[in-house]
Amino acid sequence: MRWHILKYSKDNISRKLYHYRLTQDQAGHVGKGRKFAPSLELESYEGQLATKDIVGNAQSGTSGLGYHKILRPKSCLKERRKGLVRLMKEDAENKRLVALGKYEIQGKWLSVGIDNMWRKDLTWNKLLYQCSDRLVKFW
């Protein structure tokens, strides 16, 4: 988020620093010891967020184009930053699930379905009093 703060800073020098780093990263000068370019990542996530905003405002219903004028207030930088963080977390979770799919044992677990596992009721009361002995045995 440092780069986002630099990009939208009120200080002209900070904004120039961000744009300089962005042009260097776009030219391929990532630097020593870096595996990725944070300014390019930020640009990518901002593009994804803008696409989500556009897709979220699609027409619904049978009314004609321009029937409803929805005035969206411009979101402040803090809200945009929160949206970027949420998008980064979703992306990291998706990458983690893809990596788990490559492993044999975890891949079998993923085929069962993570969503189905979260919905199951495995409270202590149900495990102790409502499940059969076959489901609770440990051997």
N, C-alpha and C. Protein backbone atom coordinates (compact mmCIF):
# COMPACT_ATOMS: atom_id res chain seq x y z
N MET A 1 0.81 -1.18 0.00
CA MET A 1 0.00 0.00 0.00
C MET A 1 0.87 1.26 0.00
N ARG A 2 2.15 1.09 0.25
CA ARG A 2 3.05 2.24 0.19
C ARG A 2 3.03 2.89 -1.18
N TRP A 3 2.99 2.06 -2.19
CA TRP A 3 3.02 2.60 -3.55
C TRP A 3 1.72 3.31 -3.87
N HIS A 4 0.62 2.84 -3.33
CA HIS A 4 -0.66 3.52 -3.53
C HIS A 4 -0.65 4.89 -2.87
N ILE A 5 -0.06 4.96 -1.69
CA ILE A 5 0.06 6.24 -0.99
C ILE A 5 0.96 7.19 -1.78
N LEU A 6 2.06 6.67 -2.31
CA LEU A 6 2.95 7.51 -3.11
C LEU A 6 2.27 7.99 -4.40
N LYS A 7 1.50 7.10 -5.01
CA LYS A 7 0.86 7.45 -6.27
C LYS A 7 -0.13 8.59 -6.11
N TYR A 8 -0.89 8.58 -5.02
CA TYR A 8 -1.93 9.59 -4.82
C TYR A 8 -1.55 10.63 -3.77
N SER A 9 -0.28 10.80 -3.54
CA SER A 9 0.19 11.77 -2.56
C SER A 9 -0.05 13.19 -3.05
N LYS A 10 -0.20 14.09 -2.10
CA LYS A 10 -0.34 15.51 -2.45
C LYS A 10 1.02 16.12 -2.78
N ASP A 11 2.07 15.45 -2.35
CA ASP A 11 3.43 15.91 -2.60
C ASP A 11 3.83 15.57 -4.03
N ASN A 12 4.25 16.55 -4.76
CA ASN A 12 4.62 16.37 -6.16
C ASN A 12 5.83 15.45 -6.31
N ILE A 13 6.79 15.54 -5.41
CA ILE A 13 8.00 14.71 -5.49
C ILE A 13 7.65 13.23 -5.28
N SER A 14 6.73 12.94 -4.37
CA SER A 14 6.32 11.55 -4.14
C SER A 14 5.64 10.98 -5.37
N ARG A 15 4.78 11.77 -6.00
CA ARG A 15 4.12 11.30 -7.22
C ARG A 15 5.13 11.08 -8.33
N LYS A 16 6.13 11.95 -8.45
CA LYS A 16 7.17 11.77 -9.47
C LYS A 16 8.00 10.52 -9.20
N LEU A 17 8.26 10.24 -7.92
CA LEU A 17 8.99 9.03 -7.55
C LEU A 17 8.23 7.79 -7.99
N TYR A 18 6.92 7.78 -7.74
CA TYR A 18 6.10 6.64 -8.15
C TYR A 18 6.15 6.48 -9.67
N HIS A 19 5.94 7.55 -10.40
CA HIS A 19 5.92 7.46 -11.87
C HIS A 19 7.29 7.07 -12.42
N TYR A 20 8.37 7.51 -11.78
CA TYR A 20 9.70 7.09 -12.20
C TYR A 20 9.87 5.58 -12.00
N ARG A 21 9.44 5.08 -10.83
CA ARG A 21 9.56 3.65 -10.54
C ARG A 21 8.68 2.84 -11.50
N LEU A 22 7.52 3.36 -11.83
CA LEU A 22 6.61 2.68 -12.76
C LEU A 22 7.23 2.59 -14.14
N THR A 23 7.83 3.66 -14.62
CA THR A 23 8.47 3.61 -15.95
C THR A 23 9.67 2.67 -15.94
N GLN A 24 10.42 2.64 -14.83
CA GLN A 24 11.54 1.71 -14.74
C GLN A 24 11.05 0.26 -14.76
N ASP A 25 9.98 -0.02 -14.01
CA ASP A 25 9.45 -1.39 -13.97
C ASP A 25 8.88 -1.80 -15.32
N GLN A 26 8.23 -0.88 -15.99
CA GLN A 26 7.68 -1.19 -17.31
C GLN A 26 8.78 -1.44 -18.32
N ALA A 27 9.93 -0.81 -18.12
CA ALA A 27 11.07 -1.02 -19.02
C ALA A 27 11.81 -2.31 -18.71
N GLY A 28 11.47 -2.95 -17.59
CA GLY A 28 12.12 -4.21 -17.23
C GLY A 28 13.23 -4.07 -16.22
N HIS A 29 13.45 -2.89 -15.69
CA HIS A 29 14.47 -2.68 -14.67
C HIS A 29 13.86 -2.89 -13.28
N VAL A 30 13.61 -4.14 -12.94
CA VAL A 30 12.94 -4.46 -11.68
C VAL A 30 13.87 -4.19 -10.50
N GLY A 31 15.12 -4.41 -10.65
CA GLY A 31 16.07 -4.18 -9.57
C GLY A 31 16.65 -5.48 -9.06
N LYS A 32 17.61 -5.37 -8.18
CA LYS A 32 18.28 -6.56 -7.66
C LYS A 32 17.49 -7.14 -6.50
N GLY A 33 17.34 -8.44 -6.50
CA GLY A 33 16.70 -9.14 -5.39
C GLY A 33 15.19 -9.10 -5.41
N ARG A 34 14.57 -8.44 -6.35
CA ARG A 34 13.12 -8.38 -6.41
C ARG A 34 12.59 -9.45 -7.35
N LYS A 35 11.47 -10.04 -6.95
CA LYS A 35 10.84 -11.04 -7.80
C LYS A 35 9.69 -10.44 -8.60
N PHE A 36 9.17 -9.33 -8.13
CA PHE A 36 8.08 -8.68 -8.84
C PHE A 36 8.20 -7.17 -8.67
N ALA A 37 7.44 -6.46 -9.45
CA ALA A 37 7.46 -5.00 -9.41
C ALA A 37 6.18 -4.51 -8.71
N PRO A 38 6.29 -3.90 -7.55
CA PRO A 38 5.09 -3.50 -6.82
C PRO A 38 4.25 -2.46 -7.54
N SER A 39 4.88 -1.58 -8.30
CA SER A 39 4.10 -0.58 -9.01
C SER A 39 3.27 -1.23 -10.12
N LEU A 40 3.82 -2.23 -10.78
CA LEU A 40 3.06 -2.94 -11.81
C LEU A 40 1.93 -3.76 -11.18
N GLU A 41 2.19 -4.34 -10.01
CA GLU A 41 1.14 -5.06 -9.28
C GLU A 41 0.00 -4.11 -8.92
N LEU A 42 0.35 -2.93 -8.45
CA LEU A 42 -0.66 -1.95 -8.07
C LEU A 42 -1.50 -1.54 -9.28
N GLU A 43 -0.86 -1.31 -10.39
CA GLU A 43 -1.59 -0.95 -11.61
C GLU A 43 -2.53 -2.08 -12.02
N SER A 44 -2.07 -3.31 -11.90
CA SER A 44 -2.89 -4.46 -12.25
C SER A 44 -4.11 -4.57 -11.34
N TYR A 45 -3.90 -4.44 -10.04
CA TYR A 45 -5.02 -4.54 -9.10
C TYR A 45 -5.99 -3.37 -9.27
N GLU A 46 -5.48 -2.18 -9.55
CA GLU A 46 -6.39 -1.05 -9.79
C GLU A 46 -7.22 -1.28 -11.05
N GLY A 47 -6.62 -1.89 -12.06
CA GLY A 47 -7.37 -2.24 -13.26
C GLY A 47 -8.46 -3.26 -12.98
N GLN A 48 -8.13 -4.26 -12.17
CA GLN A 48 -9.13 -5.27 -11.80
C GLN A 48 -10.27 -4.65 -11.01
N LEU A 49 -9.94 -3.73 -10.10
CA LEU A 49 -10.95 -3.06 -9.30
C LEU A 49 -11.85 -2.19 -10.17
N ALA A 50 -11.27 -1.50 -11.14
CA ALA A 50 -12.06 -0.69 -12.06
C ALA A 50 -12.98 -1.57 -12.91
N THR A 51 -12.49 -2.74 -13.31
CA THR A 51 -13.32 -3.67 -14.08
C THR A 51 -14.47 -4.18 -13.25
N LYS A 52 -14.21 -4.48 -11.97
CA LYS A 52 -15.29 -4.92 -11.09
C LYS A 52 -16.34 -3.83 -10.91
N ASP A 53 -15.91 -2.58 -10.84
CA ASP A 53 -16.86 -1.48 -10.72
C ASP A 53 -17.73 -1.38 -11.96
N ILE A 54 -17.14 -1.56 -13.13
CA ILE A 54 -17.89 -1.46 -14.37
C ILE A 54 -18.86 -2.62 -14.49
N VAL A 55 -18.40 -3.83 -14.20
CA VAL A 55 -19.25 -5.02 -14.32
C VAL A 55 -20.38 -4.97 -13.30
N GLY A 56 -20.11 -4.41 -12.13
CA GLY A 56 -21.13 -4.32 -11.09
C GLY A 56 -22.25 -3.37 -11.43
N ASN A 57 -22.06 -2.47 -12.40
CA ASN A 57 -23.08 -1.51 -12.77
C ASN A 57 -23.80 -1.88 -14.06
N ALA A 58 -23.90 -3.16 -14.33
CA ALA A 58 -24.58 -3.61 -15.55
C ALA A 58 -26.08 -3.38 -15.42
N GLN A 59 -26.74 -3.31 -16.56
CA GLN A 59 -28.17 -3.09 -16.58
C GLN A 59 -28.89 -4.36 -16.15
N SER A 60 -29.93 -4.18 -15.34
CA SER A 60 -30.76 -5.32 -14.96
C SER A 60 -32.22 -4.92 -15.17
N GLY A 61 -33.02 -5.86 -15.55
CA GLY A 61 -34.42 -5.56 -15.80
C GLY A 61 -34.69 -5.35 -17.27
N THR A 62 -35.92 -4.93 -17.57
CA THR A 62 -36.31 -4.76 -18.97
C THR A 62 -36.42 -3.31 -19.38
N SER A 63 -36.05 -2.40 -18.50
CA SER A 63 -36.10 -0.99 -18.87
C SER A 63 -34.99 -0.67 -19.86
N GLY A 64 -35.18 0.36 -20.61
CA GLY A 64 -34.23 0.71 -21.66
C GLY A 64 -32.94 1.29 -21.11
N LEU A 65 -32.01 1.51 -22.02
CA LEU A 65 -30.73 2.08 -21.63
C LEU A 65 -30.92 3.52 -21.15
N GLY A 66 -30.26 3.87 -20.09
CA GLY A 66 -30.32 5.23 -19.56
C GLY A 66 -31.56 5.52 -18.76
N TYR A 67 -32.39 4.52 -18.49
CA TYR A 67 -33.62 4.74 -17.73
C TYR A 67 -33.31 5.17 -16.30
N HIS A 68 -32.39 4.46 -15.68
CA HIS A 68 -31.99 4.79 -14.31
C HIS A 68 -30.64 5.49 -14.34
N LYS A 69 -30.61 6.66 -13.82
CA LYS A 69 -29.33 7.36 -13.69
C LYS A 69 -28.83 7.15 -12.27
N ILE A 70 -27.82 6.34 -12.13
CA ILE A 70 -27.25 6.06 -10.82
C ILE A 70 -26.01 6.93 -10.66
N LEU A 71 -26.07 7.81 -9.73
CA LEU A 71 -24.92 8.67 -9.45
C LEU A 71 -24.10 8.04 -8.35
N ARG A 72 -22.94 7.57 -8.72
CA ARG A 72 -22.05 6.98 -7.73
C ARG A 72 -21.16 8.07 -7.18
N PRO A 73 -21.11 8.18 -5.89
CA PRO A 73 -20.15 9.14 -5.35
C PRO A 73 -18.74 8.61 -5.54
N LYS A 74 -17.84 9.52 -5.84
CA LYS A 74 -16.45 9.08 -6.02
C LYS A 74 -15.93 8.58 -4.69
N SER A 75 -15.39 7.40 -4.73
CA SER A 75 -14.89 6.81 -3.49
C SER A 75 -13.59 7.50 -3.08
N CYS A 76 -13.44 7.63 -1.79
CA CYS A 76 -12.22 8.26 -1.29
C CYS A 76 -11.07 7.26 -1.36
N LEU A 77 -9.89 7.75 -1.14
CA LEU A 77 -8.70 6.91 -1.28
C LEU A 77 -8.68 5.77 -0.26
N LYS A 78 -9.19 6.02 0.94
CA LYS A 78 -9.20 4.95 1.94
C LYS A 78 -10.09 3.80 1.51
N GLU A 79 -11.24 4.12 0.93
CA GLU A 79 -12.14 3.07 0.45
C GLU A 79 -11.50 2.30 -0.71
N ARG A 80 -10.84 3.02 -1.61
CA ARG A 80 -10.16 2.35 -2.72
C ARG A 80 -9.06 1.45 -2.21
N ARG A 81 -8.34 1.93 -1.19
CA ARG A 81 -7.26 1.14 -0.60
C ARG A 81 -7.81 -0.13 0.04
N LYS A 82 -8.95 0.00 0.74
CA LYS A 82 -9.58 -1.18 1.34
C LYS A 82 -10.03 -2.17 0.27
N GLY A 83 -10.55 -1.65 -0.83
CA GLY A 83 -10.94 -2.51 -1.94
C GLY A 83 -9.74 -3.23 -2.54
N LEU A 84 -8.62 -2.51 -2.65
CA LEU A 84 -7.40 -3.13 -3.17
C LEU A 84 -6.89 -4.22 -2.24
N VAL A 85 -6.93 -3.96 -0.93
CA VAL A 85 -6.48 -4.97 0.04
C VAL A 85 -7.37 -6.21 -0.04
N ARG A 86 -8.69 -6.00 -0.14
CA ARG A 86 -9.61 -7.13 -0.25
C ARG A 86 -9.32 -7.93 -1.51
N LEU A 87 -9.07 -7.24 -2.61
CA LEU A 87 -8.75 -7.91 -3.87
C LEU A 87 -7.44 -8.68 -3.78
N MET A 88 -6.45 -8.12 -3.10
CA MET A 88 -5.16 -8.80 -2.91
C MET A 88 -5.33 -10.06 -2.07
N LYS A 89 -6.16 -9.98 -1.03
CA LYS A 89 -6.40 -11.16 -0.19
C LYS A 89 -7.11 -12.25 -0.97
N GLU A 90 -8.10 -11.88 -1.78
CA GLU A 90 -8.79 -12.87 -2.60
C GLU A 90 -7.83 -13.53 -3.59
N ASP A 91 -6.98 -12.72 -4.17
CA ASP A 91 -6.00 -13.25 -5.12
C ASP A 91 -5.01 -14.20 -4.44
N ALA A 92 -4.56 -13.84 -3.24
CA ALA A 92 -3.64 -14.71 -2.50
C ALA A 92 -4.32 -16.02 -2.13
N GLU A 93 -5.60 -15.97 -1.76
CA GLU A 93 -6.33 -17.20 -1.42
C GLU A 93 -6.51 -18.08 -2.65
N ASN A 94 -6.79 -17.48 -3.79
CA ASN A 94 -6.93 -18.25 -5.03
C ASN A 94 -5.61 -18.90 -5.43
N LYS A 95 -4.51 -18.17 -5.27
CA LYS A 95 -3.19 -18.73 -5.58
C LYS A 95 -2.86 -19.89 -4.63
N ARG A 96 -3.26 -19.75 -3.36
CA ARG A 96 -3.01 -20.81 -2.39
C ARG A 96 -3.79 -22.07 -2.76
N LEU A 97 -5.04 -21.92 -3.18
CA LEU A 97 -5.84 -23.08 -3.56
C LEU A 97 -5.30 -23.75 -4.81
N VAL A 98 -4.80 -22.97 -5.75
CA VAL A 98 -4.21 -23.54 -6.96
C VAL A 98 -2.96 -24.33 -6.59
N ALA A 99 -2.16 -23.78 -5.68
CA ALA A 99 -0.95 -24.49 -5.26
C ALA A 99 -1.29 -25.78 -4.52
N LEU A 100 -2.36 -25.77 -3.73
CA LEU A 100 -2.77 -27.00 -3.03
C LEU A 100 -3.26 -28.06 -4.00
N GLY A 101 -3.83 -27.64 -5.10
CA GLY A 101 -4.33 -28.60 -6.08
C GLY A 101 -3.22 -29.41 -6.72
N LYS A 102 -2.00 -28.92 -6.68
CA LYS A 102 -0.87 -29.63 -7.27
C LYS A 102 -0.42 -30.81 -6.42
N TYR A 103 -0.67 -30.74 -5.11
CA TYR A 103 -0.26 -31.83 -4.23
C TYR A 103 -1.29 -32.95 -4.26
N GLU A 104 -0.82 -34.16 -4.14
CA GLU A 104 -1.70 -35.30 -4.31
C GLU A 104 -2.73 -35.42 -3.19
N ILE A 105 -2.29 -35.35 -1.96
CA ILE A 105 -3.21 -35.55 -0.83
C ILE A 105 -4.16 -34.36 -0.70
N GLN A 106 -3.63 -33.14 -0.76
CA GLN A 106 -4.48 -31.98 -0.64
C GLN A 106 -5.42 -31.86 -1.84
N GLY A 107 -4.97 -32.34 -2.99
CA GLY A 107 -5.81 -32.31 -4.18
C GLY A 107 -7.06 -33.15 -4.00
N LYS A 108 -6.92 -34.30 -3.33
CA LYS A 108 -8.09 -35.12 -3.05
C LYS A 108 -9.04 -34.40 -2.11
N TRP A 109 -8.47 -33.71 -1.13
CA TRP A 109 -9.29 -32.98 -0.18
C TRP A 109 -10.04 -31.84 -0.88
N LEU A 110 -9.38 -31.18 -1.84
CA LEU A 110 -10.03 -30.09 -2.55
C LEU A 110 -11.14 -30.60 -3.46
N SER A 111 -11.01 -31.84 -3.95
CA SER A 111 -12.05 -32.37 -4.82
C SER A 111 -13.36 -32.58 -4.07
N VAL A 112 -13.27 -32.81 -2.75
CA VAL A 112 -14.49 -32.95 -1.95
C VAL A 112 -15.23 -31.62 -1.93
N GLY A 113 -14.49 -30.55 -1.86
CA GLY A 113 -15.10 -29.23 -1.89
C GLY A 113 -14.94 -28.52 -0.57
N ILE A 114 -14.28 -27.41 -0.61
CA ILE A 114 -14.07 -26.62 0.61
C ILE A 114 -15.39 -26.04 1.09
N ASP A 115 -16.22 -25.61 0.15
CA ASP A 115 -17.49 -25.00 0.53
C ASP A 115 -18.38 -25.98 1.28
N ASN A 116 -18.37 -27.25 0.84
CA ASN A 116 -19.18 -28.25 1.52
C ASN A 116 -18.66 -28.53 2.92
N MET A 117 -17.36 -28.46 3.12
CA MET A 117 -16.80 -28.72 4.44
C MET A 117 -17.16 -27.60 5.42
N TRP A 118 -17.22 -26.37 4.94
CA TRP A 118 -17.55 -25.26 5.82
C TRP A 118 -19.00 -25.30 6.27
N ARG A 119 -19.88 -25.85 5.44
CA ARG A 119 -21.30 -25.88 5.76
C ARG A 119 -21.68 -27.00 6.72
N LYS A 120 -20.84 -27.99 6.88
CA LYS A 120 -21.18 -29.12 7.74
C LYS A 120 -21.23 -28.69 9.19
N ASP A 121 -22.19 -29.25 9.90
CA ASP A 121 -22.35 -28.94 11.32
C ASP A 121 -21.56 -29.97 12.12
N LEU A 122 -20.40 -29.56 12.63
CA LEU A 122 -19.56 -30.46 13.41
C LEU A 122 -19.40 -29.94 14.84
N THR A 123 -20.49 -29.52 15.43
CA THR A 123 -20.42 -29.04 16.81
C THR A 123 -20.25 -30.22 17.75
N TRP A 124 -19.79 -29.94 18.95
CA TRP A 124 -19.57 -31.01 19.92
C TRP A 124 -20.87 -31.72 20.27
N ASN A 125 -21.94 -30.98 20.40
CA ASN A 125 -23.22 -31.59 20.76
C ASN A 125 -23.64 -32.60 19.70
N LYS A 126 -23.50 -32.26 18.45
CA LYS A 126 -23.87 -33.19 17.38
C LYS A 126 -22.93 -34.38 17.35
N LEU A 127 -21.62 -34.13 17.52
CA LEU A 127 -20.66 -35.23 17.48
C LEU A 127 -20.89 -36.23 18.61
N LEU A 128 -21.23 -35.75 19.80
CA LEU A 128 -21.38 -36.63 20.95
C LEU A 128 -22.71 -37.36 21.00
N TYR A 129 -23.78 -36.71 20.59
CA TYR A 129 -25.10 -37.28 20.85
C TYR A 129 -25.89 -37.65 19.61
N GLN A 130 -25.56 -37.12 18.46
CA GLN A 130 -26.39 -37.37 17.28
C GLN A 130 -25.69 -38.21 16.21
N CYS A 131 -24.38 -38.36 16.27
CA CYS A 131 -23.66 -39.15 15.28
C CYS A 131 -23.61 -40.61 15.69
N SER A 132 -23.53 -41.47 14.71
CA SER A 132 -23.42 -42.90 15.01
C SER A 132 -21.99 -43.21 15.44
N ASP A 133 -21.80 -44.37 16.04
CA ASP A 133 -20.47 -44.79 16.49
C ASP A 133 -19.51 -44.95 15.32
N ARG A 134 -20.03 -45.32 14.17
CA ARG A 134 -19.20 -45.51 12.99
C ARG A 134 -18.52 -44.20 12.58
N LEU A 135 -19.19 -43.07 12.74
CA LEU A 135 -18.62 -41.80 12.33
C LEU A 135 -17.63 -41.23 13.35
N VAL A 136 -17.72 -41.68 14.61
CA VAL A 136 -16.92 -41.10 15.66
C VAL A 136 -15.70 -41.96 16.01
N LYS A 137 -15.68 -43.21 15.60
CA LYS A 137 -14.59 -44.08 16.00
C LYS A 137 -13.26 -43.66 15.43
N PHE A 138 -12.18 -43.97 16.13
CA PHE A 138 -10.85 -43.53 15.75
C PHE A 138 -9.97 -44.68 15.25
N TRP A 139 -10.46 -45.85 15.06
CA TRP A 139 -9.63 -46.95 14.58
C TRP A 139 -10.15 -47.53 13.31
